[in-house]
C-alpha cells in the first residue's frame, strides 16, 4: 500500500484528505478519503496516468467520479471529473514511518 496526503481544490475551498493505493499488476484499488468519507475506487494504468472510478460522498449526495492522476517521484497531480466539472488535486507521498507511528519529526 502506498499513501498520499492530498489537497482537493474544490469550488468551496481546499479540502484535505488521503489516497491509499494498492497495486495489483496493472490494476489498482484503494480509497480516497475526503469530506469525511472513505470512498473506494478501482483503476487502471494508461501509460504514466492512473485512471480511477469512484463515488465521492458529500453531506448532500454521492457523486460518481472519474479521476486521472500522474505520479512523479513523491508527488501526484490530477483532476477529479464530476460530469462537466473538473476539480484539481495534488498530493505528496506519506513515508511508511509516518503512517505507522504518527507524524515523523
C-alpha atoms as a PDB file:
ATOM      1  CA  UNK A   1       0.000   0.000   0.000  1.00  0.00           C
ATOM      2  CA  UNK A   2       1.144   3.497  -0.843  1.00  0.00           C
ATOM      3  CA  UNK A   3      -0.430   6.549   0.811  1.00  0.00           C
ATOM      4  CA  UNK A   4      -0.552  10.189  -0.255  1.00  0.00           C
ATOM      5  CA  UNK A   5      -1.730  13.273   1.618  1.00  0.00           C
ATOM      6  CA  UNK A   6      -3.950  15.054  -0.919  1.00  0.00           C
ATOM      7  CA  UNK A   7      -5.476  18.504  -1.318  1.00  0.00           C
ATOM      8  CA  UNK A   8      -8.598  18.979  -3.409  1.00  0.00           C
ATOM      9  CA  UNK A   9      -9.097  22.485  -4.844  1.00  0.00           C
ATOM     10  CA  UNK A  10     -12.905  22.431  -4.586  1.00  0.00           C
ATOM     11  CA  UNK A  11     -15.185  25.347  -5.540  1.00  0.00           C
ATOM     12  CA  UNK A  12     -15.797  25.755  -1.771  1.00  0.00           C
ATOM     13  CA  UNK A  13     -12.082  25.942  -0.935  1.00  0.00           C
ATOM     14  CA  UNK A  14      -9.282  23.497  -0.216  1.00  0.00           C
ATOM     15  CA  UNK A  15     -10.199  20.104   1.221  1.00  0.00           C
ATOM     16  CA  UNK A  16      -7.567  17.825   2.782  1.00  0.00           C
ATOM     17  CA  UNK A  17      -7.608  14.032   2.627  1.00  0.00           C
ATOM     18  CA  UNK A  18      -5.654  10.884   1.868  1.00  0.00           C
ATOM     19  CA  UNK A  19      -5.364   8.473  -1.002  1.00  0.00           C
ATOM     20  CA  UNK A  20      -4.465   4.834  -0.238  1.00  0.00           C
ATOM     21  CA  UNK A  21      -3.305   2.958  -3.320  1.00  0.00           C
ATOM     22  CA  UNK A  22      -2.933  -0.812  -3.757  1.00  0.00           C
ATOM     23  CA  UNK A  23      -1.315  -2.064  -6.953  1.00  0.00           C
ATOM     24  CA  UNK A  24      -2.343  -5.411  -8.413  1.00  0.00           C
ATOM     25  CA  UNK A  25      -0.413  -5.777 -11.672  1.00  0.00           C
ATOM     26  CA  UNK A  26      -1.731  -3.054 -13.994  1.00  0.00           C
ATOM     27  CA  UNK A  27      -4.886  -2.623 -11.881  1.00  0.00           C
ATOM     28  CA  UNK A  28      -5.313  -0.516  -8.771  1.00  0.00           C
ATOM     29  CA  UNK A  29      -7.743  -0.413  -5.874  1.00  0.00           C
ATOM     30  CA  UNK A  30      -7.883   1.711  -2.752  1.00  0.00           C
ATOM     31  CA  UNK A  31      -9.681   4.567  -1.078  1.00  0.00           C
ATOM     32  CA  UNK A  32      -9.886   8.317  -1.405  1.00  0.00           C
ATOM     33  CA  UNK A  33     -10.730   9.774   1.995  1.00  0.00           C
ATOM     34  CA  UNK A  34     -12.211  13.249   1.541  1.00  0.00           C
ATOM     35  CA  UNK A  35     -15.025  15.318   3.000  1.00  0.00           C
ATOM     36  CA  UNK A  36     -15.357  12.995   5.985  1.00  0.00           C
ATOM     37  CA  UNK A  37     -15.943   9.851   3.894  1.00  0.00           C
ATOM     38  CA  UNK A  38     -13.834   6.964   2.694  1.00  0.00           C
ATOM     39  CA  UNK A  39     -14.568   6.372  -0.995  1.00  0.00           C
ATOM     40  CA  UNK A  40     -13.389   3.081  -2.565  1.00  0.00           C
ATOM     41  CA  UNK A  41     -12.030   3.135  -6.111  1.00  0.00           C
ATOM     42  CA  UNK A  42     -10.889   0.830  -8.875  1.00  0.00           C
ATOM     43  CA  UNK A  43      -8.470   1.873 -11.549  1.00  0.00           C
ATOM     44  CA  UNK A  44      -6.043   1.086 -14.326  1.00  0.00           C
ATOM     45  CA  UNK A  45      -2.788   2.498 -15.588  1.00  0.00           C
ATOM     46  CA  UNK A  46      -2.671   4.031 -19.044  1.00  0.00           C
ATOM     47  CA  UNK A  47       0.947   4.953 -19.755  1.00  0.00           C
ATOM     48  CA  UNK A  48       2.002   7.343 -16.987  1.00  0.00           C
ATOM     49  CA  UNK A  49      -1.606   8.114 -15.980  1.00  0.00           C
ATOM     50  CA  UNK A  50      -3.771   6.339 -13.399  1.00  0.00           C
ATOM     51  CA  UNK A  51      -7.489   6.359 -14.239  1.00  0.00           C
ATOM     52  CA  UNK A  52      -9.752   5.790 -11.227  1.00  0.00           C
ATOM     53  CA  UNK A  53     -13.524   5.325 -10.986  1.00  0.00           C
ATOM     54  CA  UNK A  54     -15.197   6.028  -7.645  1.00  0.00           C
ATOM     55  CA  UNK A  55     -18.041   7.647  -5.743  1.00  0.00           C
ATOM     56  CA  UNK A  56     -17.423  10.835  -3.770  1.00  0.00           C
ATOM     57  CA  UNK A  57     -19.796  11.142  -0.833  1.00  0.00           C
ATOM     58  CA  UNK A  58     -20.633  14.634   0.369  1.00  0.00           C
ATOM     59  CA  UNK A  59     -23.017  15.811   3.071  1.00  0.00           C
ATOM     60  CA  UNK A  60     -25.659  16.343   0.395  1.00  0.00           C
ATOM     61  CA  UNK A  61     -25.240  13.475  -2.087  1.00  0.00           C
ATOM     62  CA  UNK A  62     -22.990  10.861  -3.627  1.00  0.00           C
ATOM     63  CA  UNK A  63     -21.312  11.859  -6.886  1.00  0.00           C
ATOM     64  CA  UNK A  64     -19.957   9.379  -9.447  1.00  0.00           C
ATOM     65  CA  UNK A  65     -16.442  10.451 -10.403  1.00  0.00           C
ATOM     66  CA  UNK A  66     -13.549   9.633 -12.674  1.00  0.00           C
ATOM     67  CA  UNK A  67     -10.124  10.758 -11.529  1.00  0.00           C
ATOM     68  CA  UNK A  68      -6.909  10.967 -13.527  1.00  0.00           C
ATOM     69  CA  UNK A  69      -3.586  11.069 -11.681  1.00  0.00           C
ATOM     70  CA  UNK A  70       0.039  11.481 -12.633  1.00  0.00           C
ATOM     71  CA  UNK A  71       2.605  10.343 -10.059  1.00  0.00           C
ATOM     72  CA  UNK A  72       6.159  11.660 -10.348  1.00  0.00           C
ATOM     73  CA  UNK A  73       8.552  10.830  -7.546  1.00  0.00           C
ATOM     74  CA  UNK A  74       6.896  11.680  -4.222  1.00  0.00           C
ATOM     75  CA  UNK A  75       4.195  13.945  -5.669  1.00  0.00           C
ATOM     76  CA  UNK A  76       0.973  13.467  -7.553  1.00  0.00           C
ATOM     77  CA  UNK A  77      -1.245  15.793  -9.534  1.00  0.00           C
ATOM     78  CA  UNK A  78      -4.595  15.123 -11.075  1.00  0.00           C
ATOM     79  CA  UNK A  79      -8.187  16.013 -11.694  1.00  0.00           C
ATOM     80  CA  UNK A  80     -11.470  14.667 -10.363  1.00  0.00           C
ATOM     81  CA  UNK A  81     -14.096  14.740 -13.125  1.00  0.00           C
ATOM     82  CA  UNK A  82     -17.705  15.056 -11.935  1.00  0.00           C
ATOM     83  CA  UNK A  83     -19.853  15.461 -15.025  1.00  0.00           C
ATOM     84  CA  UNK A  84     -18.635  18.624 -16.728  1.00  0.00           C
ATOM     85  CA  UNK A  85     -16.880  19.899 -13.558  1.00  0.00           C
ATOM     86  CA  UNK A  86     -13.114  19.342 -13.262  1.00  0.00           C
ATOM     87  CA  UNK A  87     -11.602  19.700  -9.778  1.00  0.00           C
ATOM     88  CA  UNK A  88      -7.794  19.759  -9.487  1.00  0.00           C
ATOM     89  CA  UNK A  89      -5.958  17.925  -6.741  1.00  0.00           C
ATOM     90  CA  UNK A  90      -2.358  17.493  -5.687  1.00  0.00           C
ATOM     91  CA  UNK A  91      -0.608  15.357  -3.125  1.00  0.00           C
ATOM     92  CA  UNK A  92       2.581  14.119  -1.554  1.00  0.00           C
ATOM     93  CA  UNK A  93       3.766  10.666  -0.550  1.00  0.00           C
ATOM     94  CA  UNK A  94       3.419   9.770   3.153  1.00  0.00           C
ATOM     95  CA  UNK A  95       6.525   7.834   4.280  1.00  0.00           C
ATOM     96  CA  UNK A  96       5.833   4.455   5.945  1.00  0.00           C
ATOM     97  CA  UNK A  97       7.355   5.644   9.254  1.00  0.00           C
ATOM     98  CA  UNK A  98       4.822   8.485   9.396  1.00  0.00           C
ATOM     99  CA  UNK A  99       1.822   6.261   8.701  1.00  0.00           C
ATOM    100  CA  UNK A 100       2.927   3.628  11.219  1.00  0.00           C
ATOM    101  CA  UNK A 101       3.831   5.955  14.097  1.00  0.00           C
ATOM    102  CA  UNK A 102       2.040   9.244  13.500  1.00  0.00           C
ATOM    103  CA  UNK A 103       3.803  12.357  12.250  1.00  0.00           C
ATOM    104  CA  UNK A 104       7.581  11.998  11.967  1.00  0.00           C
ATOM    105  CA  UNK A 105       9.618  14.848  13.398  1.00  0.00           C
END
